[in-house]
């Protein structure tokens, strides 16, 4: 196995109403578009 160092810079925003922050968070990153991925299980989980 080849040695490596993996240090992802990831921000996770979680909790009720988190989706309402999407526009502001995307703006902070300079993004103009966002891709939101969901499925039936996520919807059923609430």
N, C-alpha and C. Protein backbone atom coordinates (compact mmCIF):
# COMPACT_ATOMS: atom_id res chain seq x y z
N UNK A 1 0.84 -1.17 0.00
CA UNK A 1 0.00 0.00 0.00
C UNK A 1 0.89 1.24 0.00
N UNK A 2 0.49 2.23 -0.75
CA UNK A 2 1.23 3.48 -0.86
C UNK A 2 0.81 4.41 0.28
N UNK A 3 1.75 4.93 1.06
CA UNK A 3 1.39 5.85 2.14
C UNK A 3 0.81 7.15 1.58
N UNK A 4 -0.13 7.71 2.30
CA UNK A 4 -0.70 8.99 1.91
C UNK A 4 -1.26 9.70 3.12
N UNK A 5 -1.51 10.97 2.96
CA UNK A 5 -2.12 11.79 3.99
C UNK A 5 -3.34 12.46 3.36
N UNK A 6 -4.52 12.14 3.86
CA UNK A 6 -5.76 12.67 3.30
C UNK A 6 -6.36 13.64 4.30
N UNK A 7 -6.42 14.90 3.93
CA UNK A 7 -6.92 15.93 4.82
C UNK A 7 -7.99 16.73 4.09
N UNK A 8 -9.24 16.22 4.05
CA UNK A 8 -10.29 16.96 3.34
C UNK A 8 -10.75 18.17 4.15
N UNK A 9 -10.98 19.23 3.45
CA UNK A 9 -11.53 20.43 4.08
C UNK A 9 -13.02 20.43 3.80
N UNK A 10 -13.76 19.91 4.74
CA UNK A 10 -15.19 19.70 4.55
C UNK A 10 -15.98 20.39 5.65
N UNK A 11 -17.03 21.07 5.25
CA UNK A 11 -17.94 21.66 6.22
C UNK A 11 -19.26 20.93 6.10
N UNK A 12 -19.81 20.50 7.22
CA UNK A 12 -21.10 19.81 7.24
C UNK A 12 -22.05 20.65 8.08
N UNK A 13 -23.16 21.03 7.50
CA UNK A 13 -24.20 21.78 8.21
C UNK A 13 -25.38 20.83 8.34
N UNK A 14 -25.77 20.54 9.56
CA UNK A 14 -26.76 19.50 9.81
C UNK A 14 -27.81 20.00 10.79
N UNK A 15 -29.04 19.57 10.61
CA UNK A 15 -30.09 19.85 11.57
C UNK A 15 -31.32 20.45 10.93
N UNK A 16 -32.38 20.55 11.72
CA UNK A 16 -33.61 21.12 11.22
C UNK A 16 -33.37 22.53 10.68
N UNK A 17 -33.88 22.80 9.50
CA UNK A 17 -33.75 24.12 8.91
C UNK A 17 -32.41 24.37 8.23
N UNK A 18 -31.53 23.38 8.21
CA UNK A 18 -30.20 23.58 7.61
C UNK A 18 -30.31 23.95 6.13
N UNK A 19 -31.29 23.41 5.44
CA UNK A 19 -31.43 23.70 4.01
C UNK A 19 -31.72 25.18 3.78
N UNK A 20 -32.31 25.84 4.76
CA UNK A 20 -32.62 27.27 4.61
C UNK A 20 -31.35 28.11 4.54
N UNK A 21 -30.23 27.56 4.99
CA UNK A 21 -28.95 28.28 4.96
C UNK A 21 -28.20 28.07 3.65
N UNK A 22 -28.72 27.23 2.79
CA UNK A 22 -27.99 26.84 1.58
C UNK A 22 -27.56 28.02 0.73
N UNK A 23 -28.45 28.97 0.49
CA UNK A 23 -28.11 30.12 -0.34
C UNK A 23 -26.96 30.94 0.23
N UNK A 24 -27.03 31.22 1.52
CA UNK A 24 -25.97 32.00 2.17
C UNK A 24 -24.65 31.26 2.18
N UNK A 25 -24.70 29.96 2.45
CA UNK A 25 -23.47 29.16 2.47
C UNK A 25 -22.84 29.09 1.08
N UNK A 26 -23.66 28.91 0.07
CA UNK A 26 -23.14 28.86 -1.30
C UNK A 26 -22.53 30.21 -1.68
N UNK A 27 -23.16 31.29 -1.25
CA UNK A 27 -22.63 32.62 -1.53
C UNK A 27 -21.28 32.85 -0.88
N UNK A 28 -21.08 32.33 0.33
CA UNK A 28 -19.79 32.45 1.01
C UNK A 28 -18.68 31.79 0.21
N UNK A 29 -19.03 30.73 -0.51
CA UNK A 29 -18.04 30.00 -1.30
C UNK A 29 -17.90 30.56 -2.71
N UNK A 30 -18.72 31.54 -3.04
CA UNK A 30 -18.68 32.11 -4.38
C UNK A 30 -19.40 31.25 -5.40
N UNK A 31 -20.20 30.31 -4.92
CA UNK A 31 -20.91 29.40 -5.82
C UNK A 31 -22.15 30.08 -6.38
N UNK A 32 -22.49 29.73 -7.59
CA UNK A 32 -23.72 30.24 -8.20
C UNK A 32 -24.77 29.15 -8.30
N UNK A 33 -24.35 27.91 -8.13
CA UNK A 33 -25.27 26.77 -8.22
C UNK A 33 -24.93 25.76 -7.14
N UNK A 34 -25.91 24.95 -6.79
CA UNK A 34 -25.68 23.88 -5.81
C UNK A 34 -26.34 22.61 -6.32
N UNK A 35 -25.77 21.48 -5.97
CA UNK A 35 -26.34 20.18 -6.29
C UNK A 35 -26.75 19.55 -4.97
N UNK A 36 -28.03 19.33 -4.79
CA UNK A 36 -28.55 18.70 -3.58
C UNK A 36 -29.00 17.30 -3.97
N UNK A 37 -28.46 16.30 -3.30
CA UNK A 37 -28.77 14.91 -3.60
C UNK A 37 -29.60 14.35 -2.46
N UNK A 38 -30.70 13.72 -2.81
CA UNK A 38 -31.57 13.13 -1.81
C UNK A 38 -32.16 11.84 -2.39
N UNK A 39 -32.81 11.09 -1.57
CA UNK A 39 -33.51 9.90 -2.05
C UNK A 39 -34.72 9.65 -1.16
N UNK A 40 -35.48 8.67 -1.50
CA UNK A 40 -36.71 8.38 -0.78
C UNK A 40 -36.44 8.11 0.71
N UNK A 41 -35.34 7.41 1.02
CA UNK A 41 -35.01 7.11 2.41
C UNK A 41 -34.75 8.35 3.23
N UNK A 42 -34.08 9.32 2.64
CA UNK A 42 -33.80 10.57 3.35
C UNK A 42 -35.11 11.32 3.60
N UNK A 43 -35.96 11.35 2.61
CA UNK A 43 -37.25 12.03 2.76
C UNK A 43 -38.08 11.35 3.84
N UNK A 44 -38.12 10.02 3.85
CA UNK A 44 -38.90 9.28 4.85
C UNK A 44 -38.34 9.47 6.25
N UNK A 45 -37.03 9.66 6.36
CA UNK A 45 -36.41 9.83 7.67
C UNK A 45 -36.73 11.20 8.27
N UNK A 46 -37.19 12.11 7.41
CA UNK A 46 -37.59 13.42 7.91
C UNK A 46 -36.50 14.42 7.77
